[in-house]
PDB file of all heavy atoms in Angstrom:
ATOM      1  N   SER A   1      -9.400   6.739  13.581  1.00  0.00           N
ATOM      2  CA  SER A   1      -9.628   5.452  13.048  1.00  0.00           C
ATOM      3  C   SER A   1      -9.655   5.515  11.494  1.00  0.00           C
ATOM      4  O   SER A   1      -9.163   4.624  10.778  1.00  0.00           O
ATOM      5  CB  SER A   1     -10.986   4.782  13.519  1.00  0.00           C
ATOM      6  OG  SER A   1     -12.019   5.736  13.251  1.00  0.00           O
ATOM      7  N   THR A   2     -10.144   6.623  10.999  1.00  0.00           N
ATOM      8  CA  THR A   2     -10.191   6.797   9.492  1.00  0.00           C
ATOM      9  C   THR A   2      -8.860   6.865   8.926  1.00  0.00           C
ATOM     10  O   THR A   2      -8.446   6.300   7.866  1.00  0.00           O
ATOM     11  CB  THR A   2     -10.992   8.018   9.129  1.00  0.00           C
ATOM     12  OG1 THR A   2     -12.431   7.922   9.597  1.00  0.00           O
ATOM     13  CG2 THR A   2     -11.070   8.251   7.647  1.00  0.00           C
ATOM     14  N   GLN A   3      -7.966   7.620   9.578  1.00  0.00           N
ATOM     15  CA  GLN A   3      -6.559   7.855   9.133  1.00  0.00           C
ATOM     16  C   GLN A   3      -5.781   6.527   9.277  1.00  0.00           C
ATOM     17  O   GLN A   3      -5.089   6.171   8.294  1.00  0.00           O
ATOM     18  CB  GLN A   3      -5.870   8.910   9.978  1.00  0.00           C
ATOM     19  CG  GLN A   3      -6.334  10.341   9.690  1.00  0.00           C
ATOM     20  CD  GLN A   3      -5.715  11.340  10.669  1.00  0.00           C
ATOM     21  OE1 GLN A   3      -5.554  11.037  11.843  1.00  0.00           O
ATOM     22  NE2 GLN A   3      -5.392  12.456  10.068  1.00  0.00           N
ATOM     23  N   LYS A   4      -6.025   5.760  10.263  1.00  0.00           N
ATOM     24  CA  LYS A   4      -5.359   4.423  10.430  1.00  0.00           C
ATOM     25  C   LYS A   4      -5.794   3.536   9.391  1.00  0.00           C
ATOM     26  O   LYS A   4      -4.998   2.784   8.706  1.00  0.00           O
ATOM     27  CB  LYS A   4      -5.660   3.794  11.779  1.00  0.00           C
ATOM     28  CG  LYS A   4      -5.068   4.546  12.958  1.00  0.00           C
ATOM     29  CD  LYS A   4      -5.354   3.877  14.316  1.00  0.00           C
ATOM     30  CE  LYS A   4      -4.837   4.580  15.466  1.00  0.00           C
ATOM     31  NZ  LYS A   4      -5.218   4.057  16.733  1.00  0.00           N
ATOM     32  N   GLN A   5      -7.012   3.524   9.025  1.00  0.00           N
ATOM     33  CA  GLN A   5      -7.518   2.628   7.888  1.00  0.00           C
ATOM     34  C   GLN A   5      -6.979   3.118   6.560  1.00  0.00           C
ATOM     35  O   GLN A   5      -6.551   2.224   5.797  1.00  0.00           O
ATOM     36  CB  GLN A   5      -9.081   2.756   7.873  1.00  0.00           C
ATOM     37  CG  GLN A   5      -9.705   1.774   6.832  1.00  0.00           C
ATOM     38  CD  GLN A   5      -9.481   0.328   7.109  1.00  0.00           C
ATOM     39  OE1 GLN A   5      -9.255  -0.066   8.169  1.00  0.00           O
ATOM     40  NE2 GLN A   5      -9.484  -0.408   5.986  1.00  0.00           N
ATOM     41  N   GLU A   6      -6.937   4.425   6.343  1.00  0.00           N
ATOM     42  CA  GLU A   6      -6.473   4.825   5.095  1.00  0.00           C
ATOM     43  C   GLU A   6      -4.962   4.508   4.932  1.00  0.00           C
ATOM     44  O   GLU A   6      -4.448   4.132   3.868  1.00  0.00           O
ATOM     45  CB  GLU A   6      -6.582   6.369   5.005  1.00  0.00           C
ATOM     46  CG  GLU A   6      -6.267   6.992   3.586  1.00  0.00           C
ATOM     47  CD  GLU A   6      -6.495   8.433   3.534  1.00  0.00           C
ATOM     48  OE1 GLU A   6      -7.013   8.939   4.502  1.00  0.00           O
ATOM     49  OE2 GLU A   6      -6.046   9.081   2.585  1.00  0.00           O
ATOM     50  N   MET A   7      -4.188   4.715   6.043  1.00  0.00           N
ATOM     51  CA  MET A   7      -2.751   4.451   5.951  1.00  0.00           C
ATOM     52  C   MET A   7      -2.558   2.901   5.751  1.00  0.00           C
ATOM     53  O   MET A   7      -1.577   2.501   4.974  1.00  0.00           O
ATOM     54  CB  MET A   7      -2.111   4.760   7.326  1.00  0.00           C
ATOM     55  CG  MET A   7      -0.522   4.551   7.290  1.00  0.00           C
ATOM     56  SD  MET A   7       0.119   5.182   8.929  1.00  0.00           S
ATOM     57  CE  MET A   7      -0.312   3.807  10.033  1.00  0.00           C
ATOM     58  N   LYS A   8      -3.306   2.080   6.385  1.00  0.00           N
ATOM     59  CA  LYS A   8      -3.242   0.613   6.168  1.00  0.00           C
ATOM     60  C   LYS A   8      -3.512   0.239   4.656  1.00  0.00           C
ATOM     61  O   LYS A   8      -2.873  -0.594   4.110  1.00  0.00           O
ATOM     62  CB  LYS A   8      -4.249  -0.098   7.011  1.00  0.00           C
ATOM     63  CG  LYS A   8      -4.247  -1.623   6.824  1.00  0.00           C
ATOM     64  CD  LYS A   8      -5.257  -2.291   7.815  1.00  0.00           C
ATOM     65  CE  LYS A   8      -5.245  -3.793   7.627  1.00  0.00           C
ATOM     66  NZ  LYS A   8      -6.281  -4.497   8.451  1.00  0.00           N
ATOM     67  N   GLN A   9      -4.528   0.917   4.063  1.00  0.00           N
ATOM     68  CA  GLN A   9      -4.789   0.661   2.696  1.00  0.00           C
ATOM     69  C   GLN A   9      -3.683   0.990   1.737  1.00  0.00           C
ATOM     70  O   GLN A   9      -3.313   0.197   0.843  1.00  0.00           O
ATOM     71  CB  GLN A   9      -6.113   1.379   2.243  1.00  0.00           C
ATOM     72  CG  GLN A   9      -7.393   0.945   2.905  1.00  0.00           C
ATOM     73  CD  GLN A   9      -8.589   1.743   2.578  1.00  0.00           C
ATOM     74  OE1 GLN A   9      -8.438   2.835   2.011  1.00  0.00           O
ATOM     75  NE2 GLN A   9      -9.748   1.246   2.999  1.00  0.00           N
ATOM     76  N   HIS A  10      -3.053   2.196   1.938  1.00  0.00           N
ATOM     77  CA  HIS A  10      -1.965   2.619   1.130  1.00  0.00           C
ATOM     78  C   HIS A  10      -0.727   1.617   1.329  1.00  0.00           C
ATOM     79  O   HIS A  10      -0.053   1.251   0.385  1.00  0.00           O
ATOM     80  CB  HIS A  10      -1.452   4.033   1.505  1.00  0.00           C
ATOM     81  CG  HIS A  10      -2.365   5.096   1.055  1.00  0.00           C
ATOM     82  ND1 HIS A  10      -2.681   5.248  -0.296  1.00  0.00           N
ATOM     83  CD2 HIS A  10      -3.065   6.045   1.678  1.00  0.00           C
ATOM     84  CE1 HIS A  10      -3.457   6.180  -0.498  1.00  0.00           C
ATOM     85  NE2 HIS A  10      -3.686   6.809   0.763  1.00  0.00           N
ATOM     86  N   TYR A  11      -0.485   1.176   2.590  1.00  0.00           N
ATOM     87  CA  TYR A  11       0.628   0.200   2.861  1.00  0.00           C
ATOM     88  C   TYR A  11       0.417  -1.068   2.164  1.00  0.00           C
ATOM     89  O   TYR A  11       1.212  -1.631   1.567  1.00  0.00           O
ATOM     90  CB  TYR A  11       0.765   0.009   4.385  1.00  0.00           C
ATOM     91  CG  TYR A  11       1.741  -1.035   4.692  1.00  0.00           C
ATOM     92  CD1 TYR A  11       3.081  -0.767   4.667  1.00  0.00           C
ATOM     93  CD2 TYR A  11       1.278  -2.333   5.048  1.00  0.00           C
ATOM     94  CE1 TYR A  11       4.041  -1.715   4.984  1.00  0.00           C
ATOM     95  CE2 TYR A  11       2.219  -3.313   5.375  1.00  0.00           C
ATOM     96  CZ  TYR A  11       3.561  -3.049   5.327  1.00  0.00           C
ATOM     97  OH  TYR A  11       4.458  -3.975   5.601  1.00  0.00           O
ATOM     98  N   GLU A  12      -0.842  -1.633   2.254  1.00  0.00           N
ATOM     99  CA  GLU A  12      -1.159  -2.849   1.566  1.00  0.00           C
ATOM    100  C   GLU A  12      -1.060  -2.778   0.075  1.00  0.00           C
ATOM    101  O   GLU A  12      -0.548  -3.762  -0.528  1.00  0.00           O
ATOM    102  CB  GLU A  12      -2.468  -3.412   2.041  1.00  0.00           C
ATOM    103  CG  GLU A  12      -2.592  -3.761   3.509  1.00  0.00           C
ATOM    104  CD  GLU A  12      -3.992  -4.213   3.941  1.00  0.00           C
ATOM    105  OE1 GLU A  12      -4.904  -3.965   3.149  1.00  0.00           O
ATOM    106  OE2 GLU A  12      -4.085  -4.702   5.015  1.00  0.00           O
ATOM    107  N   LYS A  13      -1.549  -1.736  -0.461  1.00  0.00           N
ATOM    108  CA  LYS A  13      -1.469  -1.511  -1.946  1.00  0.00           C
ATOM    109  C   LYS A  13      -0.017  -1.378  -2.374  1.00  0.00           C
ATOM    110  O   LYS A  13       0.464  -2.017  -3.434  1.00  0.00           O
ATOM    111  CB  LYS A  13      -2.181  -0.265  -2.363  1.00  0.00           C
ATOM    112  CG  LYS A  13      -2.312  -0.045  -3.834  1.00  0.00           C
ATOM    113  CD  LYS A  13      -3.237   1.022  -4.160  1.00  0.00           C
ATOM    114  CE  LYS A  13      -3.281   1.244  -5.691  1.00  0.00           C
ATOM    115  NZ  LYS A  13      -4.210   2.436  -6.040  1.00  0.00           N
ATOM    116  N   ALA A  14       0.820  -0.674  -1.586  1.00  0.00           N
ATOM    117  CA  ALA A  14       2.262  -0.472  -1.909  1.00  0.00           C
ATOM    118  C   ALA A  14       2.989  -1.935  -1.805  1.00  0.00           C
ATOM    119  O   ALA A  14       3.835  -2.217  -2.704  1.00  0.00           O
ATOM    120  CB  ALA A  14       2.960   0.464  -0.932  1.00  0.00           C
ATOM    121  N   THR A  15       2.636  -2.727  -0.820  1.00  0.00           N
ATOM    122  CA  THR A  15       3.314  -4.038  -0.673  1.00  0.00           C
ATOM    123  C   THR A  15       2.970  -4.938  -1.873  1.00  0.00           C
ATOM    124  O   THR A  15       3.817  -5.694  -2.324  1.00  0.00           O
ATOM    125  CB  THR A  15       2.920  -4.724   0.611  1.00  0.00           C
ATOM    126  OG1 THR A  15       3.280  -3.736   1.660  1.00  0.00           O
ATOM    127  CG2 THR A  15       3.646  -5.995   0.861  1.00  0.00           C
ATOM    128  N   ARG A  16       1.669  -4.880  -2.322  1.00  0.00           N
ATOM    129  CA  ARG A  16       1.356  -5.748  -3.436  1.00  0.00           C
ATOM    130  C   ARG A  16       2.099  -5.244  -4.707  1.00  0.00           C
ATOM    131  O   ARG A  16       2.532  -6.156  -5.524  1.00  0.00           O
ATOM    132  CB  ARG A  16      -0.159  -5.613  -3.677  1.00  0.00           C
ATOM    133  CG  ARG A  16      -1.041  -6.395  -2.619  1.00  0.00           C
ATOM    134  CD  ARG A  16      -2.435  -6.511  -3.119  1.00  0.00           C
ATOM    135  NE  ARG A  16      -3.099  -5.258  -3.224  1.00  0.00           N
ATOM    136  CZ  ARG A  16      -3.787  -4.648  -2.296  1.00  0.00           C
ATOM    137  NH1 ARG A  16      -3.891  -5.155  -1.084  1.00  0.00           N
ATOM    138  NH2 ARG A  16      -4.459  -3.469  -2.454  1.00  0.00           N
ATOM    139  N   ALA A  17       2.175  -3.981  -4.879  1.00  0.00           N
ATOM    140  CA  ALA A  17       2.911  -3.436  -6.063  1.00  0.00           C
ATOM    141  C   ALA A  17       4.380  -3.860  -5.955  1.00  0.00           C
ATOM    142  O   ALA A  17       5.071  -4.236  -6.910  1.00  0.00           O
ATOM    143  CB  ALA A  17       2.786  -1.942  -6.181  1.00  0.00           C
ATOM    144  N   TYR A  18       4.936  -3.800  -4.763  1.00  0.00           N
ATOM    145  CA  TYR A  18       6.320  -4.282  -4.523  1.00  0.00           C
ATOM    146  C   TYR A  18       6.587  -5.646  -4.911  1.00  0.00           C
ATOM    147  O   TYR A  18       7.569  -6.058  -5.542  1.00  0.00           O
ATOM    148  CB  TYR A  18       6.747  -3.892  -3.073  1.00  0.00           C
ATOM    149  CG  TYR A  18       8.185  -4.064  -2.678  1.00  0.00           C
ATOM    150  CD1 TYR A  18       9.008  -3.094  -2.696  1.00  0.00           C
ATOM    151  CD2 TYR A  18       8.608  -5.371  -2.347  1.00  0.00           C
ATOM    152  CE1 TYR A  18      10.431  -3.295  -2.378  1.00  0.00           C
ATOM    153  CE2 TYR A  18       9.879  -5.625  -1.995  1.00  0.00           C
ATOM    154  CZ  TYR A  18      10.813  -4.631  -2.028  1.00  0.00           C
ATOM    155  OH  TYR A  18      12.111  -4.807  -1.654  1.00  0.00           O
ATOM    156  N   ASP A  19       5.675  -6.525  -4.532  1.00  0.00           N
ATOM    157  CA  ASP A  19       5.744  -7.958  -4.729  1.00  0.00           C
ATOM    158  C   ASP A  19       5.791  -8.295  -6.204  1.00  0.00           C
ATOM    159  O   ASP A  19       6.472  -9.273  -6.626  1.00  0.00           O
ATOM    160  CB  ASP A  19       4.586  -8.676  -4.064  1.00  0.00           C
ATOM    161  CG  ASP A  19       4.691  -8.628  -2.516  1.00  0.00           C
ATOM    162  OD1 ASP A  19       5.801  -8.377  -2.061  1.00  0.00           O
ATOM    163  OD2 ASP A  19       3.716  -8.859  -1.835  1.00  0.00           O
ATOM    164  N   VAL A  20       5.142  -7.514  -7.062  1.00  0.00           N
ATOM    165  CA  VAL A  20       5.105  -7.804  -8.491  1.00  0.00           C
ATOM    166  C   VAL A  20       6.018  -6.811  -9.251  1.00  0.00           C
ATOM    167  O   VAL A  20       5.920  -6.626 -10.502  1.00  0.00           O
ATOM    168  CB  VAL A  20       3.627  -7.652  -9.065  1.00  0.00           C
ATOM    169  CG1 VAL A  20       2.816  -8.751  -8.414  1.00  0.00           C
ATOM    170  CG2 VAL A  20       3.014  -6.291  -8.853  1.00  0.00           C
ATOM    171  N   GLN A  21       6.995  -6.209  -8.588  1.00  0.00           N
ATOM    172  CA  GLN A  21       8.102  -5.400  -9.099  1.00  0.00           C
ATOM    173  C   GLN A  21       7.512  -4.158  -9.815  1.00  0.00           C
ATOM    174  O   GLN A  21       8.206  -3.632 -10.735  1.00  0.00           O
ATOM    175  CB  GLN A  21       8.882  -6.191 -10.123  1.00  0.00           C
ATOM    176  CG  GLN A  21       9.515  -7.457  -9.452  1.00  0.00           C
ATOM    177  CD  GLN A  21      10.480  -8.251 -10.379  1.00  0.00           C
ATOM    178  OE1 GLN A  21      10.558  -7.861 -11.525  1.00  0.00           O
ATOM    179  NE2 GLN A  21      10.913  -9.325  -9.940  1.00  0.00           N
ATOM    180  N   LYS A  22       6.370  -3.671  -9.336  1.00  0.00           N
ATOM    181  CA  LYS A  22       5.882  -2.353  -9.837  1.00  0.00           C
ATOM    182  C   LYS A  22       6.416  -1.315  -8.777  1.00  0.00           C
ATOM    183  O   LYS A  22       5.695  -0.700  -8.058  1.00  0.00           O
ATOM    184  CB  LYS A  22       4.362  -2.255  -9.962  1.00  0.00           C
ATOM    185  CG  LYS A  22       3.834  -3.188 -10.945  1.00  0.00           C
ATOM    186  CD  LYS A  22       2.295  -3.130 -11.051  1.00  0.00           C
ATOM    187  CE  LYS A  22       1.747  -3.976 -12.176  1.00  0.00           C
ATOM    188  NZ  LYS A  22       0.307  -3.869 -12.340  1.00  0.00           N
ATOM    189  N   TYR A  23       7.751  -1.036  -8.946  1.00  0.00           N
ATOM    190  CA  TYR A  23       8.424  -0.293  -7.885  1.00  0.00           C
ATOM    191  C   TYR A  23       7.925   1.262  -7.896  1.00  0.00           C
ATOM    192  O   TYR A  23       7.867   1.824  -6.790  1.00  0.00           O
ATOM    193  CB  TYR A  23       9.951  -0.364  -8.066  1.00  0.00           C
ATOM    194  CG  TYR A  23      10.342  -1.808  -7.861  1.00  0.00           C
ATOM    195  CD1 TYR A  23      11.011  -2.459  -8.895  1.00  0.00           C
ATOM    196  CD2 TYR A  23      10.142  -2.500  -6.627  1.00  0.00           C
ATOM    197  CE1 TYR A  23      11.489  -3.809  -8.757  1.00  0.00           C
ATOM    198  CE2 TYR A  23      10.554  -3.837  -6.492  1.00  0.00           C
ATOM    199  CZ  TYR A  23      11.204  -4.452  -7.513  1.00  0.00           C
ATOM    200  OH  TYR A  23      11.589  -5.716  -7.429  1.00  0.00           O
ATOM    201  N   ALA A  24       7.729   1.811  -8.972  1.00  0.00           N
ATOM    202  CA  ALA A  24       7.322   3.181  -9.030  1.00  0.00           C
ATOM    203  C   ALA A  24       5.959   3.333  -8.283  1.00  0.00           C
ATOM    204  O   ALA A  24       5.708   4.336  -7.612  1.00  0.00           O
ATOM    205  CB  ALA A  24       7.177   3.587 -10.522  1.00  0.00           C
ATOM    206  N   GLU A  25       5.015   2.403  -8.602  1.00  0.00           N
ATOM    207  CA  GLU A  25       3.734   2.438  -7.835  1.00  0.00           C
ATOM    208  C   GLU A  25       3.937   2.294  -6.327  1.00  0.00           C
ATOM    209  O   GLU A  25       3.240   2.925  -5.521  1.00  0.00           O
ATOM    210  CB  GLU A  25       2.727   1.415  -8.482  1.00  0.00           C
ATOM    211  CG  GLU A  25       1.426   1.413  -7.843  1.00  0.00           C
ATOM    212  CD  GLU A  25       0.480   0.397  -8.447  1.00  0.00           C
ATOM    213  OE1 GLU A  25       0.823  -0.027  -9.572  1.00  0.00           O
ATOM    214  OE2 GLU A  25      -0.556   0.058  -7.826  1.00  0.00           O
TER     215      GLU A  25
END
């Protein structure tokens, strides 16, 4: 459950960065 939560956090953070064109992040 900890790994799933951590993976979800990274995915959501990546998607927010993608939406504002911070592609390297």
